[in-house]
Amino acid sequence: MIGSSKLEDLSNKIKEIVTSSPLADVDKNVHALIKGALTKMELVMREEFDVQAEVLRHAREQLVNLETKLEALEEKLKQK
């Protein structure tokens, strides 16, 4: 059988080959390709979506409050 030091040497040589070859750039290229495709599809990150959903919820609450106040003011004007 192959000794552990020989396996370790083989593992180190494979790592050296991978890091010095174009394979090292594959991860970066795939990541950039996927990010570009998602950008073209106009997708957003979940965190950004959650923030925008919260902003929208808050805006809706304000709209309901303002509509209620406007109705009350209109009612006062009608009574005069």
PDB file of N, CA and C in Angstrom:
ATOM      1  N   MET A   1       0.836  -1.191   0.000  1.00  0.00           N
ATOM      2  CA  MET A   1       0.000   0.000   0.000  1.00  0.00           C
ATOM      3  C   MET A   1       0.878   1.251   0.000  1.00  0.00           C
ATOM      4  N   ILE A   2       0.258   2.344  -0.390  1.00  0.00           N
ATOM      5  CA  ILE A   2       0.969   3.612  -0.431  1.00  0.00           C
ATOM      6  C   ILE A   2       0.976   4.199   0.972  1.00  0.00           C
ATOM      7  N   GLY A   3       2.119   4.711   1.401  1.00  0.00           N
ATOM      8  CA  GLY A   3       2.245   5.312   2.728  1.00  0.00           C
ATOM      9  C   GLY A   3       1.551   6.664   2.794  1.00  0.00           C
ATOM     10  N   SER A   4       1.266   7.096   4.011  1.00  0.00           N
ATOM     11  CA  SER A   4       0.547   8.360   4.197  1.00  0.00           C
ATOM     12  C   SER A   4       1.380   9.547   3.716  1.00  0.00           C
ATOM     13  N   SER A   5       2.687   9.474   3.831  1.00  0.00           N
ATOM     14  CA  SER A   5       3.516  10.586   3.357  1.00  0.00           C
ATOM     15  C   SER A   5       3.455  10.690   1.831  1.00  0.00           C
ATOM     16  N   LYS A   6       3.392   9.539   1.161  1.00  0.00           N
ATOM     17  CA  LYS A   6       3.278   9.556  -0.302  1.00  0.00           C
ATOM     18  C   LYS A   6       1.914  10.124  -0.716  1.00  0.00           C
ATOM     19  N   LEU A   7       0.860   9.756   0.008  1.00  0.00           N
ATOM     20  CA  LEU A   7      -0.468  10.298  -0.283  1.00  0.00           C
ATOM     21  C   LEU A   7      -0.492  11.814  -0.054  1.00  0.00           C
ATOM     22  N   GLU A   8       0.167  12.242   0.993  1.00  0.00           N
ATOM     23  CA  GLU A   8       0.227  13.666   1.294  1.00  0.00           C
ATOM     24  C   GLU A   8       0.989  14.409   0.199  1.00  0.00           C
ATOM     25  N   ASP A   9       2.099  13.831  -0.246  1.00  0.00           N
ATOM     26  CA  ASP A   9       2.872  14.430  -1.336  1.00  0.00           C
ATOM     27  C   ASP A   9       2.033  14.524  -2.604  1.00  0.00           C
ATOM     28  N   LEU A  10       1.317  13.443  -2.912  1.00  0.00           N
ATOM     29  CA  LEU A  10       0.466  13.427  -4.092  1.00  0.00           C
ATOM     30  C   LEU A  10      -0.622  14.489  -3.981  1.00  0.00           C
ATOM     31  N   SER A  11      -1.217  14.606  -2.822  1.00  0.00           N
ATOM     32  CA  SER A  11      -2.266  15.602  -2.584  1.00  0.00           C
ATOM     33  C   SER A  11      -1.707  17.011  -2.770  1.00  0.00           C
ATOM     34  N   ASN A  12      -0.520  17.265  -2.233  1.00  0.00           N
ATOM     35  CA  ASN A  12       0.100  18.584  -2.375  1.00  0.00           C
ATOM     36  C   ASN A  12       0.412  18.901  -3.836  1.00  0.00           C
ATOM     37  N   LYS A  13       0.888  17.916  -4.578  1.00  0.00           N
ATOM     38  CA  LYS A  13       1.204  18.127  -5.992  1.00  0.00           C
ATOM     39  C   LYS A  13      -0.071  18.437  -6.785  1.00  0.00           C
ATOM     40  N   ILE A  14      -1.151  17.734  -6.474  1.00  0.00           N
ATOM     41  CA  ILE A  14      -2.424  17.999  -7.156  1.00  0.00           C
ATOM     42  C   ILE A  14      -2.898  19.417  -6.844  1.00  0.00           C
ATOM     43  N   LYS A  15      -2.772  19.827  -5.593  1.00  0.00           N
ATOM     44  CA  LYS A  15      -3.165  21.189  -5.218  1.00  0.00           C
ATOM     45  C   LYS A  15      -2.334  22.222  -5.970  1.00  0.00           C
ATOM     46  N   GLU A  16      -1.037  21.980  -6.088  1.00  0.00           N
ATOM     47  CA  GLU A  16      -0.161  22.904  -6.817  1.00  0.00           C
ATOM     48  C   GLU A  16      -0.564  23.000  -8.284  1.00  0.00           C
ATOM     49  N   ILE A  17      -0.872  21.846  -8.881  1.00  0.00           N
ATOM     50  CA  ILE A  17      -1.263  21.833 -10.293  1.00  0.00           C
ATOM     51  C   ILE A  17      -2.564  22.597 -10.493  1.00  0.00           C
ATOM     52  N   VAL A  18      -3.516  22.369  -9.621  1.00  0.00           N
ATOM     53  CA  VAL A  18      -4.818  23.027  -9.745  1.00  0.00           C
ATOM     54  C   VAL A  18      -4.679  24.534  -9.556  1.00  0.00           C
ATOM     55  N   THR A  19      -3.895  24.959  -8.561  1.00  0.00           N
ATOM     56  CA  THR A  19      -3.771  26.397  -8.306  1.00  0.00           C
ATOM     57  C   THR A  19      -2.978  27.102  -9.390  1.00  0.00           C
ATOM     58  N   SER A  20      -2.075  26.406 -10.066  1.00  0.00           N
ATOM     59  CA  SER A  20      -1.280  27.045 -11.112  1.00  0.00           C
ATOM     60  C   SER A  20      -1.917  26.911 -12.496  1.00  0.00           C
ATOM     61  N   SER A  21      -3.005  26.186 -12.587  1.00  0.00           N
ATOM     62  CA  SER A  21      -3.653  25.983 -13.884  1.00  0.00           C
ATOM     63  C   SER A  21      -4.868  26.888 -14.020  1.00  0.00           C
ATOM     64  N   PRO A  22      -5.443  26.925 -15.189  1.00  0.00           N
ATOM     65  CA  PRO A  22      -6.665  27.719 -15.384  1.00  0.00           C
ATOM     66  C   PRO A  22      -7.833  27.242 -14.520  1.00  0.00           C
ATOM     67  N   LEU A  23      -7.739  26.058 -13.951  1.00  0.00           N
ATOM     68  CA  LEU A  23      -8.819  25.571 -13.090  1.00  0.00           C
ATOM     69  C   LEU A  23      -9.040  26.476 -11.880  1.00  0.00           C
ATOM     70  N   ALA A  24      -7.990  27.172 -11.464  1.00  0.00           N
ATOM     71  CA  ALA A  24      -8.119  28.068 -10.314  1.00  0.00           C
ATOM     72  C   ALA A  24      -9.076  29.212 -10.632  1.00  0.00           C
ATOM     73  N   ASP A  25      -9.140  29.601 -11.904  1.00  0.00           N
ATOM     74  CA  ASP A  25     -10.010  30.703 -12.300  1.00  0.00           C
ATOM     75  C   ASP A  25     -11.437  30.255 -12.595  1.00  0.00           C
ATOM     76  N   VAL A  26     -11.661  28.967 -12.662  1.00  0.00           N
ATOM     77  CA  VAL A  26     -12.994  28.466 -13.001  1.00  0.00           C
ATOM     78  C   VAL A  26     -14.032  28.943 -11.990  1.00  0.00           C
ATOM     79  N   ASP A  27     -13.707  28.867 -10.724  1.00  0.00           N
ATOM     80  CA  ASP A  27     -14.650  29.285  -9.681  1.00  0.00           C
ATOM     81  C   ASP A  27     -15.016  30.754  -9.857  1.00  0.00           C
ATOM     82  N   LYS A  28     -14.012  31.588 -10.078  1.00  0.00           N
ATOM     83  CA  LYS A  28     -14.261  33.020 -10.265  1.00  0.00           C
ATOM     84  C   LYS A  28     -15.108  33.258 -11.513  1.00  0.00           C
ATOM     85  N   ASN A  29     -14.775  32.555 -12.580  1.00  0.00           N
ATOM     86  CA  ASN A  29     -15.504  32.746 -13.837  1.00  0.00           C
ATOM     87  C   ASN A  29     -16.948  32.287 -13.721  1.00  0.00           C
ATOM     88  N   VAL A  30     -17.172  31.158 -13.088  1.00  0.00           N
ATOM     89  CA  VAL A  30     -18.535  30.652 -12.918  1.00  0.00           C
ATOM     90  C   VAL A  30     -19.342  31.611 -12.046  1.00  0.00           C
ATOM     91  N   HIS A  31     -18.710  32.089 -10.982  1.00  0.00           N
ATOM     92  CA  HIS A  31     -19.383  33.027 -10.084  1.00  0.00           C
ATOM     93  C   HIS A  31     -19.767  34.302 -10.846  1.00  0.00           C
ATOM     94  N   ALA A  32     -18.847  34.841 -11.630  1.00  0.00           N
ATOM     95  CA  ALA A  32     -19.124  36.054 -12.400  1.00  0.00           C
ATOM     96  C   ALA A  32     -20.211  35.803 -13.444  1.00  0.00           C
ATOM     97  N   LEU A  33     -20.179  34.647 -14.074  1.00  0.00           N
ATOM     98  CA  LEU A  33     -21.182  34.301 -15.079  1.00  0.00           C
ATOM     99  C   LEU A  33     -22.571  34.217 -14.462  1.00  0.00           C
ATOM    100  N   ILE A  34     -22.683  33.549 -13.329  1.00  0.00           N
ATOM    101  CA  ILE A  34     -23.979  33.413 -12.652  1.00  0.00           C
ATOM    102  C   ILE A  34     -24.473  34.772 -12.167  1.00  0.00           C
ATOM    103  N   LYS A  35     -23.566  35.552 -11.601  1.00  0.00           N
ATOM    104  CA  LYS A  35     -23.957  36.878 -11.112  1.00  0.00           C
ATOM    105  C   LYS A  35     -24.442  37.751 -12.261  1.00  0.00           C
ATOM    106  N   GLY A  36     -23.762  37.687 -13.399  1.00  0.00           N
ATOM    107  CA  GLY A  36     -24.175  38.450 -14.563  1.00  0.00           C
ATOM    108  C   GLY A  36     -25.539  38.016 -15.070  1.00  0.00           C
ATOM    109  N   ALA A  37     -25.773  36.706 -15.095  1.00  0.00           N
ATOM    110  CA  ALA A  37     -27.068  36.187 -15.559  1.00  0.00           C
ATOM    111  C   ALA A  37     -28.186  36.628 -14.615  1.00  0.00           C
ATOM    112  N   LEU A  38     -27.940  36.573 -13.331  1.00  0.00           N
ATOM    113  CA  LEU A  38     -28.962  36.990 -12.363  1.00  0.00           C
ATOM    114  C   LEU A  38     -29.234  38.481 -12.461  1.00  0.00           C
ATOM    115  N   THR A  39     -28.192  39.263 -12.736  1.00  0.00           N
ATOM    116  CA  THR A  39     -28.369  40.703 -12.898  1.00  0.00           C
ATOM    117  C   THR A  39     -29.229  40.991 -14.121  1.00  0.00           C
ATOM    118  N   LYS A  40     -28.973  40.289 -15.217  1.00  0.00           N
ATOM    119  CA  LYS A  40     -29.770  40.485 -16.424  1.00  0.00           C
ATOM    120  C   LYS A  40     -31.224  40.100 -16.187  1.00  0.00           C
ATOM    121  N   MET A  41     -31.454  39.127 -15.326  1.00  0.00           N
ATOM    122  CA  MET A  41     -32.815  38.692 -15.022  1.00  0.00           C
ATOM    123  C   MET A  41     -33.473  39.624 -14.010  1.00  0.00           C
ATOM    124  N   GLU A  42     -32.728  40.611 -13.527  1.00  0.00           N
ATOM    125  CA  GLU A  42     -33.196  41.595 -12.559  1.00  0.00           C
ATOM    126  C   GLU A  42     -33.657  40.936 -11.259  1.00  0.00           C
ATOM    127  N   LEU A  43     -32.947  39.918 -10.836  1.00  0.00           N
ATOM    128  CA  LEU A  43     -33.229  39.279  -9.560  1.00  0.00           C
ATOM    129  C   LEU A  43     -32.488  40.027  -8.458  1.00  0.00           C
ATOM    130  N   VAL A  44     -33.028  39.947  -7.255  1.00  0.00           N
ATOM    131  CA  VAL A  44     -32.391  40.616  -6.124  1.00  0.00           C
ATOM    132  C   VAL A  44     -32.099  39.595  -5.033  1.00  0.00           C
ATOM    133  N   MET A  45     -31.207  39.980  -4.149  1.00  0.00           N
ATOM    134  CA  MET A  45     -30.871  39.112  -3.017  1.00  0.00           C
ATOM    135  C   MET A  45     -32.050  39.096  -2.047  1.00  0.00           C
ATOM    136  N   ARG A  46     -32.173  38.047  -1.284  1.00  0.00           N
ATOM    137  CA  ARG A  46     -33.287  37.894  -0.344  1.00  0.00           C
ATOM    138  C   ARG A  46     -33.296  39.028   0.681  1.00  0.00           C
ATOM    139  N   GLU A  47     -32.116  39.428   1.152  1.00  0.00           N
ATOM    140  CA  GLU A  47     -32.034  40.493   2.147  1.00  0.00           C
ATOM    141  C   GLU A  47     -32.598  41.795   1.586  1.00  0.00           C
ATOM    142  N   GLU A  48     -32.246  42.102   0.332  1.00  0.00           N
ATOM    143  CA  GLU A  48     -32.747  43.315  -0.298  1.00  0.00           C
ATOM    144  C   GLU A  48     -34.266  43.242  -0.483  1.00  0.00           C
ATOM    145  N   PHE A  49     -34.753  42.070  -0.869  1.00  0.00           N
ATOM    146  CA  PHE A  49     -36.190  41.877  -1.022  1.00  0.00           C
ATOM    147  C   PHE A  49     -36.908  42.105   0.305  1.00  0.00           C
ATOM    148  N   ASP A  50     -36.376  41.541   1.384  1.00  0.00           N
ATOM    149  CA  ASP A  50     -36.996  41.691   2.700  1.00  0.00           C
ATOM    150  C   ASP A  50     -37.036  43.149   3.130  1.00  0.00           C
ATOM    151  N   VAL A  51     -35.950  43.889   2.861  1.00  0.00           N
ATOM    152  CA  VAL A  51     -35.906  45.313   3.214  1.00  0.00           C
ATOM    153  C   VAL A  51     -36.972  46.071   2.429  1.00  0.00           C
ATOM    154  N   GLN A  52     -37.054  45.810   1.124  1.00  0.00           N
ATOM    155  CA  GLN A  52     -38.044  46.510   0.301  1.00  0.00           C
ATOM    156  C   GLN A  52     -39.474  46.139   0.696  1.00  0.00           C
ATOM    157  N   ALA A  53     -39.697  44.882   1.080  1.00  0.00           N
ATOM    158  CA  ALA A  53     -41.024  44.457   1.529  1.00  0.00           C
ATOM    159  C   ALA A  53     -41.411  45.201   2.802  1.00  0.00           C
ATOM    160  N   GLU A  54     -40.458  45.402   3.701  1.00  0.00           N
ATOM    161  CA  GLU A  54     -40.726  46.138   4.940  1.00  0.00           C
ATOM    162  C   GLU A  54     -41.022  47.609   4.643  1.00  0.00           C
ATOM    163  N   VAL A  55     -40.274  48.198   3.725  1.00  0.00           N
ATOM    164  CA  VAL A  55     -40.526  49.591   3.334  1.00  0.00           C
ATOM    165  C   VAL A  55     -41.926  49.713   2.741  1.00  0.00           C
ATOM    166  N   LEU A  56     -42.305  48.780   1.899  1.00  0.00           N
ATOM    167  CA  LEU A  56     -43.637  48.801   1.295  1.00  0.00           C
ATOM    168  C   LEU A  56     -44.724  48.643   2.350  1.00  0.00           C
ATOM    169  N   ARG A  57     -44.529  47.741   3.308  1.00  0.00           N
ATOM    170  CA  ARG A  57     -45.510  47.553   4.379  1.00  0.00           C
ATOM    171  C   ARG A  57     -45.700  48.844   5.163  1.00  0.00           C
ATOM    172  N   HIS A  58     -44.594  49.513   5.477  1.00  0.00           N
ATOM    173  CA  HIS A  58     -44.647  50.767   6.223  1.00  0.00           C
ATOM    174  C   HIS A  58     -45.373  51.846   5.406  1.00  0.00           C
ATOM    175  N   ALA A  59     -45.090  51.915   4.112  1.00  0.00           N
ATOM    176  CA  ALA A  59     -45.735  52.899   3.244  1.00  0.00           C
ATOM    177  C   ALA A  59     -47.245  52.643   3.165  1.00  0.00           C
ATOM    178  N   ARG A  60     -47.623  51.376   3.110  1.00  0.00           N
ATOM    179  CA  ARG A  60     -49.061  51.045   3.083  1.00  0.00           C
ATOM    180  C   ARG A  60     -49.754  51.475   4.363  1.00  0.00           C
ATOM    181  N   GLU A  61     -49.091  51.259   5.497  1.00  0.00           N
ATOM    182  CA  GLU A  61     -49.668  51.682   6.777  1.00  0.00           C
ATOM    183  C   GLU A  61     -49.859  53.193   6.798  1.00  0.00           C
ATOM    184  N   GLN A  62     -48.848  53.926   6.319  1.00  0.00           N
ATOM    185  CA  GLN A  62     -48.961  55.382   6.285  1.00  0.00           C
ATOM    186  C   GLN A  62     -50.091  55.810   5.356  1.00  0.00           C
ATOM    187  N   LEU A  63     -50.240  55.143   4.232  1.00  0.00           N
ATOM    188  CA  LEU A  63     -51.306  55.476   3.297  1.00  0.00           C
ATOM    189  C   LEU A  63     -52.680  55.275   3.932  1.00  0.00           C
ATOM    190  N   VAL A  64     -52.852  54.172   4.624  1.00  0.00           N
ATOM    191  CA  VAL A  64     -54.133  53.907   5.290  1.00  0.00           C
ATOM    192  C   VAL A  64     -54.404  54.986   6.331  1.00  0.00           C
ATOM    193  N   ASN A  65     -53.391  55.354   7.116  1.00  0.00           N
ATOM    194  CA  ASN A  65     -53.557  56.400   8.133  1.00  0.00           C
ATOM    195  C   ASN A  65     -53.920  57.733   7.496  1.00  0.00           C
ATOM    196  N   LEU A  66     -53.248  58.076   6.403  1.00  0.00           N
ATOM    197  CA  LEU A  66     -53.541  59.344   5.737  1.00  0.00           C
ATOM    198  C   LEU A  66     -54.932  59.340   5.103  1.00  0.00           C
ATOM    199  N   GLU A  67     -55.340  58.209   4.554  1.00  0.00           N
ATOM    200  CA  GLU A  67     -56.692  58.120   3.986  1.00  0.00           C
ATOM    201  C   GLU A  67     -57.742  58.308   5.076  1.00  0.00           C
ATOM    202  N   THR A  68     -57.499  57.726   6.241  1.00  0.00           N
ATOM    203  CA  THR A  68     -58.430  57.869   7.369  1.00  0.00           C
ATOM    204  C   THR A  68     -58.511  59.328   7.803  1.00  0.00           C
ATOM    205  N   LYS A  69     -57.366  59.991   7.915  1.00  0.00           N
ATOM    206  CA  LYS A  69     -57.346  61.411   8.307  1.00  0.00           C
ATOM    207  C   LYS A  69     -58.044  62.269   7.257  1.00  0.00           C
ATOM    208  N   LEU A  70     -57.819  61.971   5.980  1.00  0.00           N
ATOM    209  CA  LEU A  70     -58.451  62.735   4.910  1.00  0.00           C
ATOM    210  C   LEU A  70     -59.975  62.575   4.956  1.00  0.00           C
ATOM    211  N   GLU A  71     -60.444  61.369   5.183  1.00  0.00           N
ATOM    212  CA  GLU A  71     -61.883  61.132   5.288  1.00  0.00           C
ATOM    213  C   GLU A  71     -62.476  61.922   6.453  1.00  0.00           C
ATOM    214  N   ALA A  72     -61.751  61.960   7.580  1.00  0.00           N
ATOM    215  CA  ALA A  72     -62.238  62.716   8.745  1.00  0.00           C
ATOM    216  C   ALA A  72     -62.295  64.200   8.429  1.00  0.00           C
ATOM    217  N   LEU A  73     -61.267  64.725   7.746  1.00  0.00           N
ATOM    218  CA  LEU A  73     -61.267  66.147   7.384  1.00  0.00           C
ATOM    219  C   LEU A  73     -62.374  66.469   6.393  1.00  0.00           C
ATOM    220  N   GLU A  74     -62.602  65.586   5.429  1.00  0.00           N
ATOM    221  CA  GLU A  74     -63.683  65.803   4.460  1.00  0.00           C
ATOM    222  C   GLU A  74     -65.042  65.803   5.164  1.00  0.00           C
ATOM    223  N   GLU A  75     -65.183  64.916   6.132  1.00  0.00           N
ATOM    224  CA  GLU A  75     -66.441  64.846   6.888  1.00  0.00           C
ATOM    225  C   GLU A  75     -66.660  66.134   7.667  1.00  0.00           C
ATOM    226  N   LYS A  76     -65.595  66.706   8.254  1.00  0.00           N
ATOM    227  CA  LYS A  76     -65.710  67.969   8.979  1.00  0.00           C
ATOM    228  C   LYS A  76     -66.125  69.103   8.037  1.00  0.00           C
ATOM    229  N   LEU A  77     -65.537  69.095   6.834  1.00  0.00           N
ATOM    230  CA  LEU A  77     -65.890  70.129   5.866  1.00  0.00           C
ATOM    231  C   LEU A  77     -67.341  70.036   5.434  1.00  0.00           C
ATOM    232  N   LYS A  78     -67.855  68.840   5.296  1.00  0.00           N
ATOM    233  CA  LYS A  78     -69.249  68.635   4.906  1.00  0.00           C
ATOM    234  C   LYS A  78     -70.201  69.153   5.997  1.00  0.00           C
ATOM    235  N   GLN A  79     -69.778  69.016   7.235  1.00  0.00           N
ATOM    236  CA  GLN A  79     -70.644  69.418   8.344  1.00  0.00           C
ATOM    237  C   GLN A  79     -70.731  70.929   8.485  1.00  0.00           C
ATOM    238  N   LYS A  80     -69.805  71.657   7.943  1.00  0.00           N
ATOM    239  CA  LYS A  80     -69.809  73.127   8.076  1.00  0.00           C
ATOM    240  C   LYS A  80     -70.732  73.768   7.123  1.00  0.00           C
TER     241      LYS A  80
END
